[in-house]
C-alpha atoms as a PDB file:
ATOM      1  CA  MET A   1     119.177 -35.166 -86.301  1.00  0.00           C
ATOM      2  CA  LYS A   2     118.083 -31.993 -87.996  1.00  0.00           C
ATOM      3  CA  THR A   3     114.880 -31.660 -89.980  1.00  0.00           C
ATOM      4  CA  SER A   4     115.248 -31.843 -93.722  1.00  0.00           C
ATOM      5  CA  ILE A   5     113.150 -29.966 -96.222  1.00  0.00           C
ATOM      6  CA  ASP A   6     112.238 -33.376 -97.563  1.00  0.00           C
ATOM      7  CA  CYS A   7     110.398 -34.013 -94.263  1.00  0.00           C
ATOM      8  CA  ILE A   8     107.752 -31.426 -95.127  1.00  0.00           C
ATOM      9  CA  PRO A   9     105.656 -33.705 -97.482  1.00  0.00           C
ATOM     10  CA  CYS A  10     105.635 -36.277 -94.703  1.00  0.00           C
ATOM     11  CA  PHE A  11     104.379 -33.753 -92.183  1.00  0.00           C
ATOM     12  CA  ILE A  12     101.428 -32.961 -94.532  1.00  0.00           C
ATOM     13  CA  ARG A  13     100.717 -36.687 -95.047  1.00  0.00           C
ATOM     14  CA  GLN A  14     100.768 -37.315 -91.315  1.00  0.00           C
ATOM     15  CA  ALA A  15      98.375 -34.446 -90.672  1.00  0.00           C
ATOM     16  CA  LEU A  16      95.918 -35.604 -93.435  1.00  0.00           C
ATOM     17  CA  ASP A  17      96.123 -39.279 -92.426  1.00  0.00           C
ATOM     18  CA  GLY A  18      95.463 -38.397 -88.799  1.00  0.00           C
ATOM     19  CA  ILE A  19      92.518 -36.046 -89.268  1.00  0.00           C
ATOM     20  CA  ARG A  20      90.887 -38.078 -92.059  1.00  0.00           C
ATOM     21  CA  MET A  21      90.845 -41.063 -89.780  1.00  0.00           C
ATOM     22  CA  LEU A  22      88.652 -39.084 -87.344  1.00  0.00           C
ATOM     23  CA  THR A  23      86.363 -36.988 -89.491  1.00  0.00           C
ATOM     24  CA  ASP A  24      85.058 -36.636 -93.047  1.00  0.00           C
ATOM     25  CA  ASP A  25      84.621 -32.858 -92.591  1.00  0.00           C
ATOM     26  CA  GLN A  26      86.638 -31.241 -95.361  1.00  0.00           C
ATOM     27  CA  ALA A  27      86.671 -27.881 -93.560  1.00  0.00           C
ATOM     28  CA  VAL A  28      88.452 -29.493 -90.630  1.00  0.00           C
ATOM     29  CA  HIS A  29      90.910 -31.209 -92.940  1.00  0.00           C
ATOM     30  CA  GLU A  30      91.722 -27.865 -94.574  1.00  0.00           C
ATOM     31  CA  ALA A  31      92.066 -26.083 -91.295  1.00  0.00           C
ATOM     32  CA  VAL A  32      94.540 -28.624 -89.918  1.00  0.00           C
ATOM     33  CA  VAL A  33      96.656 -28.698 -93.085  1.00  0.00           C
ATOM     34  CA  ARG A  34      96.754 -24.852 -93.207  1.00  0.00           C
ATOM     35  CA  GLU A  35      97.872 -24.701 -89.624  1.00  0.00           C
ATOM     36  CA  VAL A  36     100.554 -27.309 -90.207  1.00  0.00           C
ATOM     37  CA  LEU A  37     101.802 -25.390 -93.262  1.00  0.00           C
ATOM     38  CA  SER A  38     101.840 -22.221 -91.166  1.00  0.00           C
ATOM     39  CA  ARG A  39     103.798 -23.839 -88.354  1.00  0.00           C
ATOM     40  CA  THR A  40     106.175 -25.435 -90.843  1.00  0.00           C
ATOM     41  CA  SER A  41     106.943 -22.084 -92.438  1.00  0.00           C
ATOM     42  CA  THR A  42     108.360 -20.787 -89.154  1.00  0.00           C
ATOM     43  CA  MET A  43     109.831 -23.989 -87.680  1.00  0.00           C
ATOM     44  CA  ASP A  44     113.392 -24.329 -86.517  1.00  0.00           C
ATOM     45  CA  PHE A  45     114.981 -26.791 -88.971  1.00  0.00           C
ATOM     46  CA  SER A  46     117.833 -27.436 -86.545  1.00  0.00           C
ATOM     47  CA  GLN A  47     115.277 -29.345 -84.385  1.00  0.00           C
ATOM     48  CA  PRO A  48     114.579 -33.069 -85.056  1.00  0.00           C
ATOM     49  CA  PRO A  49     111.464 -34.007 -87.076  1.00  0.00           C
ATOM     50  CA  PRO A  50     109.555 -35.429 -84.034  1.00  0.00           C
ATOM     51  CA  LYS A  51     109.293 -31.909 -82.664  1.00  0.00           C
ATOM     52  CA  MET A  52     107.055 -31.026 -85.615  1.00  0.00           C
ATOM     53  CA  GLY A  53     105.376 -34.430 -85.154  1.00  0.00           C
ATOM     54  CA  GLN A  54     104.368 -33.381 -81.649  1.00  0.00           C
ATOM     55  CA  ILE A  55     102.796 -30.205 -82.987  1.00  0.00           C
ATOM     56  CA  ILE A  56     100.957 -31.990 -85.780  1.00  0.00           C
ATOM     57  CA  HIS A  57      99.373 -34.562 -83.491  1.00  0.00           C
ATOM     58  CA  GLN A  58      98.450 -31.995 -80.874  1.00  0.00           C
ATOM     59  CA  LEU A  59      96.619 -30.135 -83.631  1.00  0.00           C
ATOM     60  CA  ILE A  60      94.828 -33.326 -84.678  1.00  0.00           C
ATOM     61  CA  ARG A  61      93.808 -34.108 -81.095  1.00  0.00           C
ATOM     62  CA  ASN A  62      92.514 -30.571 -80.543  1.00  0.00           C
ATOM     63  CA  ALA A  63      90.668 -30.390 -83.856  1.00  0.00           C
ATOM     64  CA  SER A  64      88.911 -33.686 -83.227  1.00  0.00           C
ATOM     65  CA  ASP A  65      88.424 -33.205 -79.492  1.00  0.00           C
ATOM     66  CA  ASN A  66      89.954 -36.639 -79.076  1.00  0.00           C
ATOM     67  CA  GLN A  67      93.006 -36.945 -76.800  1.00  0.00           C
ATOM     68  CA  ASP A  68      93.897 -40.494 -77.994  1.00  0.00           C
ATOM     69  CA  PRO A  69      92.738 -40.816 -81.607  1.00  0.00           C
ATOM     70  CA  TYR A  70      94.906 -43.873 -82.311  1.00  0.00           C
ATOM     71  CA  ARG A  71      93.558 -45.807 -79.244  1.00  0.00           C
ATOM     72  CA  GLU A  72      91.648 -48.413 -81.278  1.00  0.00           C
ATOM     73  CA  ILE A  73      94.599 -48.810 -83.639  1.00  0.00           C
ATOM     74  CA  LYS A  74      96.956 -49.297 -80.707  1.00  0.00           C
ATOM     75  CA  ASN A  75      94.674 -51.890 -79.122  1.00  0.00           C
ATOM     76  CA  ASN A  76      94.472 -53.755 -82.418  1.00  0.00           C
ATOM     77  CA  CYS A  77      98.242 -53.694 -82.817  1.00  0.00           C
ATOM     78  CA  ASN A  78      98.781 -54.981 -79.262  1.00  0.00           C
ATOM     79  CA  GLN A  79      96.298 -57.774 -79.750  1.00  0.00           C
ATOM     80  CA  LEU A  80      97.804 -58.796 -83.108  1.00  0.00           C
ATOM     81  CA  ALA A  81     101.335 -58.815 -81.689  1.00  0.00           C
ATOM     82  CA  LEU A  82     100.284 -60.855 -78.652  1.00  0.00           C
ATOM     83  CA  LYS A  83      98.764 -63.456 -80.988  1.00  0.00           C
ATOM     84  CA  LEU A  84     102.202 -63.596 -82.707  1.00  0.00           C
ATOM     85  CA  TYR A  85     104.024 -63.912 -79.427  1.00  0.00           C
ATOM     86  CA  PRO A  86     104.116 -67.676 -79.367  1.00  0.00           C
ATOM     87  CA  GLU A  87     105.453 -67.754 -82.916  1.00  0.00           C
ATOM     88  CA  LEU A  88     108.146 -65.204 -82.050  1.00  0.00           C
ATOM     89  CA  LYS A  89     109.185 -67.231 -79.004  1.00  0.00           C
ATOM     90  CA  THR A  90     109.449 -70.312 -81.187  1.00  0.00           C
ATOM     91  CA  CYS A  91     111.749 -68.502 -83.563  1.00  0.00           C
ATOM     92  CA  VAL A  92     114.075 -67.637 -80.675  1.00  0.00           C
ATOM     93  CA  ASP A  93     113.913 -71.120 -79.187  1.00  0.00           C
ATOM     94  CA  ARG A  94     114.833 -72.787 -82.476  1.00  0.00           C
ATOM     95  CA  SER A  95     117.640 -70.371 -83.265  1.00  0.00           C
ATOM     96  CA  PRO A  96     121.314 -71.211 -82.950  1.00  0.00           C
ATOM     97  CA  ASP A  97     121.874 -67.685 -81.618  1.00  0.00           C
ATOM     98  CA  ARG A  98     118.951 -66.657 -79.402  1.00  0.00           C
ATOM     99  CA  PHE A  99     120.306 -63.139 -78.773  1.00  0.00           C
ATOM    100  CA  GLU A 100     120.782 -62.231 -82.421  1.00  0.00           C
ATOM    101  CA  THR A 101     117.404 -63.659 -83.464  1.00  0.00           C
ATOM    102  CA  ALA A 102     115.668 -61.729 -80.630  1.00  0.00           C
ATOM    103  CA  VAL A 103     117.420 -58.508 -81.775  1.00  0.00           C
ATOM    104  CA  ARG A 104     116.243 -59.127 -85.339  1.00  0.00           C
ATOM    105  CA  LEU A 105     112.633 -59.695 -84.215  1.00  0.00           C
ATOM    106  CA  ALA A 106     112.747 -56.543 -82.051  1.00  0.00           C
ATOM    107  CA  ILE A 107     113.731 -54.568 -85.140  1.00  0.00           C
ATOM    108  CA  ALA A 108     111.110 -56.376 -87.240  1.00  0.00           C
ATOM    109  CA  GLY A 109     108.400 -55.028 -84.917  1.00  0.00           C
ATOM    110  CA  ASN A 110     109.488 -51.493 -85.749  1.00  0.00           C
ATOM    111  CA  ILE A 111     107.351 -51.745 -88.937  1.00  0.00           C
ATOM    112  CA  ILE A 112     104.287 -51.131 -86.749  1.00  0.00           C
ATOM    113  CA  ASP A 113     104.575 -47.352 -87.226  1.00  0.00           C
ATOM    114  CA  PHE A 114     101.594 -45.224 -88.176  1.00  0.00           C
ATOM    115  CA  GLY A 115     103.804 -42.144 -88.297  1.00  0.00           C
ATOM    116  CA  THR A 116     105.525 -43.349 -91.471  1.00  0.00           C
ATOM    117  CA  SER A 117     102.589 -45.318 -92.961  1.00  0.00           C
ATOM    118  CA  SER A 118      98.859 -45.262 -92.598  1.00  0.00           C
ATOM    119  CA  GLN A 119      98.607 -48.956 -93.668  1.00  0.00           C
ATOM    120  CA  VAL A 120     100.104 -51.634 -91.444  1.00  0.00           C
ATOM    121  CA  ASP A 121      98.278 -54.912 -91.597  1.00  0.00           C
ATOM    122  CA  ASP A 122      98.905 -58.623 -90.828  1.00  0.00           C
ATOM    123  CA  ASP A 123     100.715 -59.247 -94.096  1.00  0.00           C
ATOM    124  CA  THR A 124     103.022 -56.290 -93.654  1.00  0.00           C
ATOM    125  CA  ILE A 125     104.023 -57.515 -90.143  1.00  0.00           C
ATOM    126  CA  HIS A 126     104.555 -61.090 -91.230  1.00  0.00           C
ATOM    127  CA  MET A 127     106.671 -59.905 -94.208  1.00  0.00           C
ATOM    128  CA  SER A 128     108.760 -57.802 -91.834  1.00  0.00           C
ATOM    129  CA  ILE A 129     109.374 -60.818 -89.538  1.00  0.00           C
ATOM    130  CA  ASP A 130     110.319 -63.071 -92.443  1.00  0.00           C
ATOM    131  CA  CYS A 131     112.656 -60.448 -93.899  1.00  0.00           C
ATOM    132  CA  ALA A 132     114.291 -59.653 -90.560  1.00  0.00           C
ATOM    133  CA  LEU A 133     115.257 -63.238 -89.955  1.00  0.00           C
ATOM    134  CA  VAL A 134     117.329 -63.368 -93.159  1.00  0.00           C
ATOM    135  CA  GLN A 135     118.401 -59.774 -93.907  1.00  0.00           C
ATOM    136  CA  PRO A 136     122.028 -58.864 -93.422  1.00  0.00           C
ATOM    137  CA  VAL A 137     122.871 -57.180 -90.107  1.00  0.00           C
ATOM    138  CA  ASP A 138     126.144 -55.751 -88.777  1.00  0.00           C
ATOM    139  CA  LYS A 139     127.492 -58.827 -86.861  1.00  0.00           C
ATOM    140  CA  LEU A 140     130.136 -56.686 -85.129  1.00  0.00           C
ATOM    141  CA  ALA A 141     127.370 -54.352 -83.887  1.00  0.00           C
ATOM    142  CA  VAL A 142     125.416 -57.366 -82.600  1.00  0.00           C
ATOM    143  CA  GLU A 143     128.460 -58.515 -80.630  1.00  0.00           C
ATOM    144  CA  LYS A 144     129.174 -55.056 -79.364  1.00  0.00           C
ATOM    145  CA  LEU A 145     125.603 -54.768 -78.131  1.00  0.00           C
ATOM    146  CA  ARG A 146     125.806 -58.179 -76.499  1.00  0.00           C
ATOM    147  CA  ASN A 147     128.970 -57.217 -74.685  1.00  0.00           C
ATOM    148  CA  GLU A 148     127.642 -53.789 -73.595  1.00  0.00           C
ATOM    149  CA  ILE A 149     124.553 -55.453 -72.096  1.00  0.00           C
ATOM    150  CA  GLU A 150     126.750 -57.881 -70.151  1.00  0.00           C
ATOM    151  CA  ARG A 151     128.962 -54.999 -68.883  1.00  0.00           C
ATOM    152  CA  ALA A 152     126.204 -52.561 -67.962  1.00  0.00           C
ATOM    153  CA  GLU A 153     124.775 -52.330 -64.472  1.00  0.00           C
ATOM    154  CA  LYS A 154     121.753 -50.198 -65.527  1.00  0.00           C
ATOM    155  CA  ILE A 155     120.023 -50.395 -68.914  1.00  0.00           C
ATOM    156  CA  LEU A 156     117.309 -47.987 -70.146  1.00  0.00           C
ATOM    157  CA  TYR A 157     115.284 -49.467 -72.952  1.00  0.00           C
ATOM    158  CA  LEU A 158     113.301 -46.829 -74.922  1.00  0.00           C
ATOM    159  CA  GLY A 159     110.205 -48.240 -76.459  1.00  0.00           C
ATOM    160  CA  ASP A 160     108.521 -46.951 -79.569  1.00  0.00           C
ATOM    161  CA  ASN A 161     105.151 -48.192 -80.839  1.00  0.00           C
ATOM    162  CA  SER A 162     102.258 -50.159 -79.500  1.00  0.00           C
ATOM    163  CA  GLY A 163     102.338 -53.758 -80.808  1.00  0.00           C
ATOM    164  CA  GLU A 164     106.059 -53.333 -81.419  1.00  0.00           C
ATOM    165  CA  ILE A 165     106.616 -53.551 -77.718  1.00  0.00           C
ATOM    166  CA  VAL A 166     105.556 -57.200 -77.781  1.00  0.00           C
ATOM    167  CA  PHE A 167     108.550 -57.809 -80.060  1.00  0.00           C
ATOM    168  CA  ASP A 168     110.648 -55.805 -77.565  1.00  0.00           C
ATOM    169  CA  ARG A 169     109.329 -58.129 -74.805  1.00  0.00           C
ATOM    170  CA  VAL A 170     110.676 -61.117 -76.704  1.00  0.00           C
ATOM    171  CA  PHE A 171     114.124 -59.500 -76.821  1.00  0.00           C
ATOM    172  CA  ILE A 172     113.996 -58.371 -73.156  1.00  0.00           C
ATOM    173  CA  GLU A 173     113.156 -61.951 -72.056  1.00  0.00           C
ATOM    174  CA  GLU A 174     116.666 -62.921 -73.367  1.00  0.00           C
ATOM    175  CA  LEU A 175     118.306 -60.182 -71.313  1.00  0.00           C
ATOM    176  CA  PRO A 176     119.146 -59.732 -67.604  1.00  0.00           C
ATOM    177  CA  ARG A 177     115.829 -58.165 -66.686  1.00  0.00           C
ATOM    178  CA  GLU A 178     116.905 -56.949 -63.277  1.00  0.00           C
ATOM    179  CA  LYS A 179     119.111 -54.354 -65.014  1.00  0.00           C
ATOM    180  CA  ILE A 180     116.380 -52.995 -67.297  1.00  0.00           C
ATOM    181  CA  THR A 181     114.018 -50.014 -66.992  1.00  0.00           C
ATOM    182  CA  PHE A 182     111.601 -49.715 -69.907  1.00  0.00           C
ATOM    183  CA  ALA A 183     110.398 -46.266 -70.980  1.00  0.00           C
ATOM    184  CA  VAL A 184     107.239 -45.301 -72.923  1.00  0.00           C
ATOM    185  CA  ARG A 185     105.716 -41.980 -73.959  1.00  0.00           C
ATOM    186  CA  GLY A 186     104.225 -39.747 -71.293  1.00  0.00           C
ATOM    187  CA  ALA A 187     101.011 -39.118 -73.233  1.00  0.00           C
ATOM    188  CA  PRO A 188      99.282 -40.447 -76.363  1.00  0.00           C
ATOM    189  CA  THR A 189     100.878 -39.500 -79.664  1.00  0.00           C
ATOM    190  CA  ILE A 190     100.262 -41.380 -82.932  1.00  0.00           C
ATOM    191  CA  ASN A 191     100.403 -45.130 -82.055  1.00  0.00           C
ATOM    192  CA  ASP A 192     103.399 -44.747 -79.736  1.00  0.00           C
ATOM    193  CA  ALA A 193     103.284 -46.922 -76.602  1.00  0.00           C
ATOM    194  CA  THR A 194     102.226 -45.554 -73.262  1.00  0.00           C
ATOM    195  CA  ARG A 195     101.970 -47.160 -69.789  1.00  0.00           C
ATOM    196  CA  GLU A 196      98.583 -48.558 -70.729  1.00  0.00           C
ATOM    197  CA  ASP A 197     100.118 -50.451 -73.630  1.00  0.00           C
ATOM    198  CA  ALA A 198     103.019 -51.670 -71.559  1.00  0.00           C
ATOM    199  CA  LYS A 199     100.534 -53.133 -69.015  1.00  0.00           C
ATOM    200  CA  LYS A 200      98.358 -54.769 -71.694  1.00  0.00           C
ATOM    201  CA  THR A 201     101.338 -56.459 -73.318  1.00  0.00           C
ATOM    202  CA  GLY A 202     102.862 -57.825 -70.070  1.00  0.00           C
ATOM    203  CA  LEU A 203     105.914 -55.560 -69.839  1.00  0.00           C
ATOM    204  CA  THR A 204     104.933 -54.068 -66.426  1.00  0.00           C
ATOM    205  CA  SER A 205     105.112 -57.569 -64.938  1.00  0.00           C
ATOM    206  CA  LEU A 206     108.467 -58.197 -66.534  1.00  0.00           C
ATOM    207  CA  VAL A 207     110.561 -55.043 -65.843  1.00  0.00           C
ATOM    208  CA  THR A 208     110.235 -51.601 -64.300  1.00  0.00           C
ATOM    209  CA  VAL A 209     108.283 -49.306 -66.585  1.00  0.00           C
ATOM    210  CA  ILE A 210     108.463 -45.496 -66.551  1.00  0.00           C
ATOM    211  CA  ASP A 211     107.215 -42.804 -68.951  1.00  0.00           C
ATOM    212  CA  ASN A 212     109.230 -39.938 -70.350  1.00  0.00           C
ATOM    213  CA  GLY A 213     106.688 -37.255 -69.419  1.00  0.00           C
ATOM    214  CA  THR A 214     106.048 -35.926 -72.875  1.00  0.00           C
ATOM    215  CA  ASP A 215     104.003 -36.511 -76.039  1.00  0.00           C
ATOM    216  CA  VAL A 216     106.913 -36.017 -78.462  1.00  0.00           C
ATOM    217  CA  PRO A 217     107.082 -39.100 -80.770  1.00  0.00           C
ATOM    218  CA  GLY A 218     110.710 -39.539 -79.776  1.00  0.00           C
ATOM    219  CA  THR A 219     112.994 -38.586 -76.880  1.00  0.00           C
ATOM    220  CA  VAL A 220     113.758 -34.891 -76.789  1.00  0.00           C
ATOM    221  CA  LEU A 221     115.534 -34.724 -73.406  1.00  0.00           C
ATOM    222  CA  GLU A 222     114.722 -31.053 -72.635  1.00  0.00           C
ATOM    223  CA  SER A 223     111.069 -31.867 -73.027  1.00  0.00           C
ATOM    224  CA  CYS A 224     111.150 -34.973 -70.800  1.00  0.00           C
ATOM    225  CA  SER A 225     110.318 -35.090 -67.155  1.00  0.00           C
ATOM    226  CA  GLY A 226     112.909 -34.714 -64.392  1.00  0.00           C
ATOM    227  CA  GLU A 227     112.233 -38.254 -63.243  1.00  0.00           C
ATOM    228  CA  PHE A 228     113.013 -39.631 -66.722  1.00  0.00           C
ATOM    229  CA  ARG A 229     116.123 -37.478 -67.186  1.00  0.00           C
ATOM    230  CA  LYS A 230     117.446 -38.717 -63.861  1.00  0.00           C
ATOM    231  CA  VAL A 231     117.086 -42.313 -64.967  1.00  0.00           C
ATOM    232  CA  PHE A 232     118.561 -41.511 -68.396  1.00  0.00           C
ATOM    233  CA  ASP A 233     121.593 -39.753 -66.908  1.00  0.00           C
ATOM    234  CA  SER A 234     122.328 -42.537 -64.437  1.00  0.00           C
ATOM    235  CA  THR A 235     122.070 -45.510 -66.814  1.00  0.00           C
ATOM    236  CA  ASP A 236     125.138 -47.155 -68.324  1.00  0.00           C
ATOM    237  CA  LEU A 237     123.483 -48.205 -71.580  1.00  0.00           C
ATOM    238  CA  VAL A 238     120.469 -46.959 -73.519  1.00  0.00           C
ATOM    239  CA  ILE A 239     118.710 -49.205 -76.114  1.00  0.00           C
ATOM    240  CA  ALA A 240     116.664 -46.883 -78.237  1.00  0.00           C
ATOM    241  CA  LYS A 241     114.010 -48.421 -80.518  1.00  0.00           C
ATOM    242  CA  GLY A 242     112.607 -46.743 -83.650  1.00  0.00           C
ATOM    243  CA  GLN A 243     113.262 -43.896 -85.995  1.00  0.00           C
ATOM    244  CA  GLY A 244     111.803 -41.277 -83.644  1.00  0.00           C
ATOM    245  CA  ASN A 245     114.272 -42.156 -80.932  1.00  0.00           C
ATOM    246  CA  TYR A 246     117.123 -42.188 -83.476  1.00  0.00           C
ATOM    247  CA  GLU A 247     116.100 -38.807 -84.899  1.00  0.00           C
ATOM    248  CA  THR A 248     116.006 -37.211 -81.418  1.00  0.00           C
ATOM    249  CA  LEU A 249     119.046 -38.875 -79.753  1.00  0.00           C
ATOM    250  CA  ASN A 250     121.645 -39.639 -82.414  1.00  0.00           C
ATOM    251  CA  ASP A 251     123.600 -36.459 -81.566  1.00  0.00           C
ATOM    252  CA  VAL A 252     123.478 -37.093 -77.760  1.00  0.00           C
ATOM    253  CA  GLU A 253     126.795 -38.005 -76.113  1.00  0.00           C
ATOM    254  CA  LYS A 254     125.758 -41.213 -74.350  1.00  0.00           C
ATOM    255  CA  ASN A 255     126.242 -44.976 -74.749  1.00  0.00           C
ATOM    256  CA  ILE A 256     123.173 -45.564 -76.960  1.00  0.00           C
ATOM    257  CA  PHE A 257     122.408 -48.362 -79.293  1.00  0.00           C
ATOM    258  CA  PHE A 258     119.737 -47.620 -81.869  1.00  0.00           C
ATOM    259  CA  LEU A 259     117.604 -50.482 -83.195  1.00  0.00           C
ATOM    260  CA  PHE A 260     115.201 -49.687 -86.044  1.00  0.00           C
ATOM    261  CA  LYS A 261     114.024 -50.429 -89.522  1.00  0.00           C
ATOM    262  CA  VAL A 262     114.795 -47.665 -91.980  1.00  0.00           C
ATOM    263  CA  LYS A 263     111.447 -46.442 -93.326  1.00  0.00           C
ATOM    264  CA  CYS A 264     112.173 -43.156 -95.070  1.00  0.00           C
ATOM    265  CA  PRO A 265     114.878 -41.687 -97.357  1.00  0.00           C
ATOM    266  CA  VAL A 266     115.785 -38.874 -94.955  1.00  0.00           C
ATOM    267  CA  VAL A 267     116.719 -41.281 -92.164  1.00  0.00           C
ATOM    268  CA  ALA A 268     118.335 -43.592 -94.699  1.00  0.00           C
ATOM    269  CA  LYS A 269     120.664 -40.758 -95.809  1.00  0.00           C
ATOM    270  CA  ASP A 270     121.458 -39.622 -92.251  1.00  0.00           C
ATOM    271  CA  SER A 271     122.268 -43.176 -91.047  1.00  0.00           C
ATOM    272  CA  GLY A 272     124.132 -44.168 -94.176  1.00  0.00           C
ATOM    273  CA  CYS A 273     121.761 -47.037 -94.816  1.00  0.00           C
ATOM    274  CA  ALA A 274     119.073 -47.866 -97.375  1.00  0.00           C
ATOM    275  CA  VAL A 275     115.293 -47.867 -96.879  1.00  0.00           C
ATOM    276  CA  GLY A 276     114.312 -51.311 -95.556  1.00  0.00           C
ATOM    277  CA  ASP A 277     117.659 -51.982 -93.791  1.00  0.00           C
ATOM    278  CA  LEU A 278     117.817 -53.330 -90.213  1.00  0.00           C
ATOM    279  CA  VAL A 279     119.927 -50.918 -88.175  1.00  0.00           C
ATOM    280  CA  ILE A 280     121.967 -51.774 -85.144  1.00  0.00           C
ATOM    281  CA  GLU A 281     124.041 -48.696 -84.539  1.00  0.00           C
ATOM    282  CA  SER A 282     125.919 -47.188 -81.682  1.00  0.00           C
ATOM    283  CA  ASN A 283     126.730 -43.496 -81.273  1.00  0.00           C
END
């Protein structure tokens, strides 16, 4: 997916949200915003938005001398989601279609995204869960995903955010786990999940976990490690969670299913959906 001019206000908001979280120094705020504006003026708009996201959050980390500025937020998100885990499991257990309910809950967890919003609280997450259980979804896409999972010998599941990966865990527990490799980011960026988060939320004891070798808040294959690309190339099915993975992989020729909640008008337009929709889409 290419970057839209309409992405630029979001780039500035992300930069301000990130640096304001770390310091009250107005001079630092100004320096970061000016640098983001400068980089934006020369950026390649044929690249996906997460490429600029990578630059923005590298600038924030360098300006604050903090290589994981969202660490506390990530820990809080993981703890909150783990407290919800029994409730999520009960939803699946009581459902007439465990698979579809688990898919819906996995997408509900995609609301835990500090790249698109600086405010994600308990009420927001509970509302996302409640909505996800009743919102319309593409039933044919659900069945196609179910069939592709049954047919595949190797499945690569691309995670997105901390906290959200607990919702992914609920879904993965309904799948043939021996087929699955779960991938996280290679280094901290926004509240995206890393190996540390996968360990804290129990995923490392459930399936094989690898990282993609990069701090892009998405999956830009040319930026990923050779180890990750080897797994990506050899897998039969990729399940890609979140907008960042959609933005970076939706033009890739591969058997990929995107699961995400639409959180911005640019992605809504590109995916042919509306803001707030639950997306189950194959490319």
